[in-house]
Amino acid sequence: MLLEGKNALILGVANQASIAWAIAKAFSREGANLAFAYQGERLKENLIELTGTLPHPSPVFQCDVTKDDEIQNLFSGVRHVFGRLDVLVHSIAFAPKNELSGRISDTTRQGFQTAQEVSAYSLLALAKGAEALMEGPGGSILAMSYIGAVRVIPNYNLMGPVKASLEAEIRYLAYDLGPKNIRVNGISAGPVNTVAARGISRFGTMLKHHAHAAPLRRNVGVDEIANTAVFLASTLSSGITGEILYCDCGYHIMGM
């Protein structure tokens, strides 16, 4: 029960295969009270169905992270339900599918702006909202990243610079929020066969290469990623902030 009595807000659950959903189940197992945010009506029904499988009722809120008023309403709702917030999980990433193939120099201006706003800027806006609810003992903010932020992954394209922005934000937020005992960290997970990931061209080849090259000779499981999130959300990691923790079966250490 590493998170017993903790209040956690999770953004990014699309379906039962989502990394965010694996994190939610692990948090629930460890005793956390959960709240969720969904992007639009098309995701609401599925999220409500999933949360219905949890042992305790979990409120769900609509939040399009490109709209400041919806972010404000989200944290007002969380304050009303929980009073305070201990953990924020940012598992949001989006880029138009046509921007995830070919050459990065072919990226459109609009595609770049959309991907940065949804996938990177949203962390800043959400962290600002969470800060006010983490007054006192502090809290933990987590964001999901990928090795494409620091190395070239063919066909990851636009999302590489976007995740690099996200990782830089994690470090700067850790500095800003540290005096309030709010820790900010990222998990750089290995590739996982989610709906979002399948939008990347030749994703199946990426999975096979990763499993072959990683020291553990396999791909990471979503439950392993979720357990890493539990660690970073709990007091076991109380001295860790501003870090990008790799959970990828060791793939990131390899040179060839």
Protein backbone atom coordinates (compact mmCIF):
# COMPACT_ATOMS: atom_id res chain seq x y z
CA MET A 1 0.00 0.00 0.00
CA LEU A 2 2.69 2.47 -1.05
CA LEU A 3 0.15 5.12 -2.08
CA GLU A 4 -2.45 4.63 0.62
CA GLY A 5 -4.48 7.80 1.15
CA LYS A 6 -2.83 9.59 -1.79
CA ASN A 7 -4.98 11.43 -4.34
CA ALA A 8 -3.87 11.00 -7.94
CA LEU A 9 -5.05 12.57 -11.19
CA ILE A 10 -4.30 10.63 -14.38
CA LEU A 11 -4.54 12.01 -17.91
CA GLY A 12 -4.13 9.91 -21.02
CA VAL A 13 -6.24 6.77 -20.62
CA ALA A 14 -7.53 5.93 -24.09
CA ASN A 15 -8.36 2.23 -23.61
CA GLN A 16 -7.39 -0.80 -21.54
CA ALA A 17 -4.07 -1.15 -23.40
CA SER A 18 -2.94 2.39 -22.49
CA ILE A 19 0.14 2.86 -20.33
CA ALA A 20 -1.94 5.34 -18.33
CA TRP A 21 -4.49 2.62 -17.55
CA ALA A 22 -1.76 0.24 -16.37
CA ILE A 23 -0.54 3.03 -14.09
CA ALA A 24 -4.08 3.59 -12.81
CA LYS A 25 -4.46 -0.09 -11.90
CA ALA A 26 -1.10 -0.12 -10.12
CA PHE A 27 -1.96 3.05 -8.20
CA SER A 28 -5.31 1.56 -7.19
CA ARG A 29 -3.56 -1.62 -6.04
CA GLU A 30 -1.32 0.50 -3.83
CA GLY A 31 -4.22 2.32 -2.19
CA ALA A 32 -4.46 5.61 -4.11
CA ASN A 33 -7.68 7.53 -4.68
CA LEU A 34 -7.97 8.17 -8.41
CA ALA A 35 -9.45 10.79 -10.68
CA PHE A 36 -9.24 10.84 -14.47
CA ALA A 37 -9.50 13.33 -17.30
CA TYR A 38 -10.60 12.55 -20.85
CA GLN A 39 -10.03 14.63 -23.98
CA GLY A 40 -13.49 14.51 -25.58
CA GLU A 41 -16.86 12.81 -25.61
CA ARG A 42 -15.63 9.97 -27.84
CA LEU A 43 -13.38 8.78 -24.99
CA LYS A 44 -15.78 9.37 -22.12
CA GLU A 45 -17.88 6.21 -22.38
CA ASN A 46 -14.87 3.90 -22.59
CA LEU A 47 -13.15 5.60 -19.64
CA ILE A 48 -16.25 5.34 -17.48
CA GLU A 49 -16.51 1.65 -18.34
CA LEU A 50 -12.87 1.09 -17.36
CA THR A 51 -13.08 3.02 -14.10
CA GLY A 52 -16.11 0.95 -13.21
CA THR A 53 -13.79 -2.05 -12.85
CA LEU A 54 -11.80 -0.35 -10.07
CA PRO A 55 -12.59 -1.21 -6.45
CA HIS A 56 -13.64 2.36 -5.60
CA PRO A 57 -15.59 5.00 -7.59
CA SER A 58 -13.31 7.40 -9.47
CA PRO A 59 -14.48 10.77 -10.78
CA VAL A 60 -13.85 11.60 -14.43
CA PHE A 61 -13.54 15.10 -15.86
CA GLN A 62 -13.49 16.40 -19.40
CA CYS A 63 -10.30 18.29 -20.24
CA ASP A 64 -9.04 19.32 -23.65
CA VAL A 65 -5.50 20.42 -22.74
CA THR A 66 -5.48 22.97 -25.57
CA LYS A 67 -8.16 24.95 -23.72
CA ASP A 68 -7.17 26.91 -20.61
CA ASP A 69 -10.71 27.10 -19.27
CA GLU A 70 -11.07 23.31 -19.32
CA ILE A 71 -7.76 22.93 -17.45
CA GLN A 72 -9.00 25.38 -14.83
CA ASN A 73 -12.31 23.51 -14.55
CA LEU A 74 -10.43 20.23 -14.17
CA PHE A 75 -8.49 21.37 -11.12
CA SER A 76 -11.55 23.05 -9.64
CA GLY A 77 -13.29 19.69 -9.91
CA VAL A 78 -10.37 17.82 -8.36
CA ARG A 79 -10.26 20.33 -5.49
CA HIS A 80 -13.99 19.85 -4.91
CA VAL A 81 -13.69 16.04 -4.83
CA PHE A 82 -10.34 15.54 -3.08
CA GLY A 83 -9.43 18.83 -1.44
CA ARG A 84 -5.77 18.31 -2.33
CA LEU A 85 -3.72 16.45 -4.94
CA ASP A 86 -0.66 14.29 -4.30
CA VAL A 87 0.16 12.87 -7.74
CA LEU A 88 -0.31 14.06 -11.32
CA VAL A 89 0.32 11.68 -14.22
CA HIS A 90 0.79 13.22 -17.68
CA SER A 91 0.52 10.49 -20.31
CA ILE A 92 -0.56 12.63 -23.25
CA ALA A 93 1.00 12.73 -26.70
CA PHE A 94 -0.39 13.54 -30.12
CA ALA A 95 0.86 14.37 -33.59
CA PRO A 96 -0.98 14.18 -36.89
CA LYS A 97 -0.34 10.73 -38.40
CA ASN A 98 1.08 12.17 -41.62
CA GLU A 99 3.87 13.79 -39.57
CA LEU A 100 5.14 10.40 -38.34
CA SER A 101 6.72 9.12 -41.56
CA GLY A 102 9.18 10.34 -44.15
CA ARG A 103 11.67 13.11 -43.35
CA ILE A 104 11.46 15.41 -40.36
CA SER A 105 12.26 18.36 -42.62
CA ASP A 106 8.87 17.76 -44.24
CA THR A 107 7.10 18.50 -40.95
CA THR A 108 4.43 21.15 -41.42
CA ARG A 109 4.28 24.25 -39.28
CA GLN A 110 0.76 23.40 -38.12
CA GLY A 111 1.69 19.80 -37.33
CA PHE A 112 4.66 20.95 -35.25
CA GLN A 113 2.58 23.47 -33.33
CA THR A 114 -0.18 20.95 -32.65
CA ALA A 115 2.21 18.26 -31.40
CA GLN A 116 4.11 20.69 -29.15
CA GLU A 117 0.93 22.18 -27.68
CA VAL A 118 -0.75 18.87 -26.87
CA SER A 119 2.27 16.76 -25.95
CA ALA A 120 4.66 19.25 -24.31
CA TYR A 121 3.10 22.59 -23.38
CA SER A 122 0.26 20.74 -21.66
CA LEU A 123 2.68 19.55 -18.95
CA LEU A 124 3.45 23.16 -18.01
CA ALA A 125 -0.21 24.12 -17.88
CA LEU A 126 -1.19 21.04 -15.87
CA ALA A 127 1.73 21.41 -13.46
CA LYS A 128 0.66 25.00 -12.76
CA GLY A 129 -2.84 23.80 -11.95
CA ALA A 130 -1.57 20.94 -9.78
CA GLU A 131 0.83 23.19 -7.84
CA ALA A 132 -1.97 24.96 -5.99
CA LEU A 133 -3.45 21.61 -4.88
CA MET A 134 -0.10 20.25 -3.65
CA GLU A 135 0.52 22.96 -1.06
CA GLY A 136 1.81 21.69 2.28
CA PRO A 137 3.45 18.29 2.11
CA GLY A 138 4.15 18.55 -1.63
CA GLY A 139 3.55 15.98 -4.32
CA SER A 140 4.82 14.13 -7.36
CA ILE A 141 4.34 14.95 -11.05
CA LEU A 142 5.11 12.26 -13.64
CA ALA A 143 5.31 12.49 -17.42
CA MET A 144 5.83 9.79 -20.03
CA SER A 145 8.71 10.13 -22.49
CA TYR A 146 10.65 8.01 -24.99
CA ILE A 147 14.27 7.58 -26.08
CA GLY A 148 13.42 9.39 -29.32
CA ALA A 149 13.89 12.57 -27.27
CA VAL A 150 17.65 12.06 -27.21
CA ARG A 151 18.37 9.66 -30.08
CA VAL A 152 17.18 9.37 -33.66
CA ILE A 153 14.42 6.81 -34.05
CA PRO A 154 13.43 6.51 -37.73
CA ASN A 155 9.78 7.44 -38.32
CA TYR A 156 9.38 8.85 -34.81
CA ASN A 157 10.17 12.14 -36.51
CA LEU A 158 8.31 15.13 -35.08
CA MET A 159 7.73 13.46 -31.72
CA GLY A 160 11.48 13.37 -31.07
CA PRO A 161 11.82 17.17 -30.70
CA VAL A 162 8.49 17.24 -28.87
CA LYS A 163 9.64 14.71 -26.27
CA ALA A 164 12.94 16.61 -25.97
CA SER A 165 10.87 19.68 -25.05
CA LEU A 166 8.95 17.61 -22.52
CA GLU A 167 12.14 16.33 -20.88
CA ALA A 168 13.58 19.85 -20.64
CA GLU A 169 10.33 21.01 -19.04
CA ILE A 170 10.63 18.24 -16.45
CA ARG A 171 14.02 19.59 -15.36
CA TYR A 172 12.89 23.21 -15.25
CA LEU A 173 9.68 22.34 -13.39
CA ALA A 174 11.70 20.33 -10.88
CA TYR A 175 13.73 23.46 -10.19
CA ASP A 176 10.69 25.74 -9.95
CA LEU A 177 8.60 23.44 -7.75
CA GLY A 178 11.35 21.91 -5.61
CA PRO A 179 11.05 24.53 -2.82
CA LYS A 180 7.45 23.37 -2.35
CA ASN A 181 8.55 19.73 -2.11
CA ILE A 182 6.89 18.94 -5.43
CA ARG A 183 8.97 16.45 -7.37
CA VAL A 184 8.83 16.24 -11.17
CA ASN A 185 10.15 13.22 -13.04
CA GLY A 186 9.77 11.43 -16.35
CA ILE A 187 9.63 7.78 -17.34
CA SER A 188 11.27 6.97 -20.66
CA ALA A 189 9.53 3.72 -21.49
CA GLY A 190 10.43 1.25 -24.18
CA PRO A 191 7.98 0.84 -27.08
CA VAL A 192 4.63 -0.64 -26.09
CA ASN A 193 1.96 -1.84 -28.51
CA THR A 194 -0.70 0.77 -27.78
CA VAL A 195 -3.20 2.34 -30.18
CA ALA A 196 -1.20 5.60 -30.16
CA ALA A 197 2.09 3.83 -30.88
CA ARG A 198 0.63 1.98 -33.85
CA GLY A 199 0.29 5.34 -35.57
CA ILE A 200 4.08 5.35 -36.01
CA SER A 201 5.16 4.00 -39.39
CA ARG A 202 6.80 0.52 -39.18
CA PHE A 203 6.13 0.31 -35.45
CA GLY A 204 6.24 -3.49 -35.61
CA THR A 205 9.83 -3.31 -36.86
CA MET A 206 10.67 -1.00 -33.95
CA LEU A 207 9.32 -3.55 -31.45
CA LYS A 208 11.32 -6.39 -32.99
CA HIS A 209 14.56 -4.37 -33.06
CA HIS A 210 14.11 -3.29 -29.46
CA ALA A 211 13.55 -6.85 -28.24
CA HIS A 212 16.62 -8.05 -30.13
CA ALA A 213 18.96 -5.25 -28.99
CA ALA A 214 17.90 -4.75 -25.37
CA PRO A 215 20.09 -6.48 -22.75
CA LEU A 216 17.05 -8.32 -21.38
CA ARG A 217 16.25 -9.50 -24.93
CA ARG A 218 12.60 -8.53 -24.73
CA ASN A 219 10.24 -5.59 -24.77
CA VAL A 220 9.12 -3.93 -21.57
CA GLY A 221 5.67 -4.73 -20.19
CA VAL A 222 3.11 -2.10 -19.25
CA ASP A 223 2.98 -3.49 -15.71
CA GLU A 224 6.72 -2.84 -15.36
CA ILE A 225 6.21 0.75 -16.47
CA ALA A 226 3.32 1.10 -14.05
CA ASN A 227 5.41 -0.19 -11.15
CA THR A 228 8.08 2.40 -12.02
CA ALA A 229 5.37 5.06 -11.81
CA VAL A 230 4.36 3.75 -8.36
CA PHE A 231 7.97 4.11 -7.22
CA LEU A 232 8.23 7.70 -8.47
CA ALA A 233 4.87 8.62 -6.94
CA SER A 234 5.70 7.13 -3.54
CA THR A 235 7.97 8.21 -0.71
CA LEU A 236 10.46 5.54 -1.80
CA SER A 237 11.70 8.10 -4.35
CA SER A 238 11.52 11.13 -2.04
CA GLY A 239 15.04 12.27 -2.94
CA ILE A 240 14.57 12.02 -6.72
CA THR A 241 13.45 14.91 -8.91
CA GLY A 242 14.23 16.25 -12.37
CA GLU A 243 15.14 12.75 -13.58
CA ILE A 244 14.25 10.77 -16.68
CA LEU A 245 14.09 7.18 -15.48
CA TYR A 246 14.47 4.61 -18.25
CA CYS A 247 12.21 1.56 -18.13
CA ASP A 248 13.13 -0.14 -21.40
CA CYS A 249 14.83 -3.44 -20.56
CA GLY A 250 18.19 -1.65 -20.82
CA TYR A 251 17.86 -0.69 -24.49
CA HIS A 252 19.11 2.88 -23.88
CA ILE A 253 22.57 1.72 -22.72
CA MET A 254 23.42 0.04 -26.03
CA GLY A 255 25.69 1.54 -28.66
CA MET A 256 25.07 -1.17 -31.25
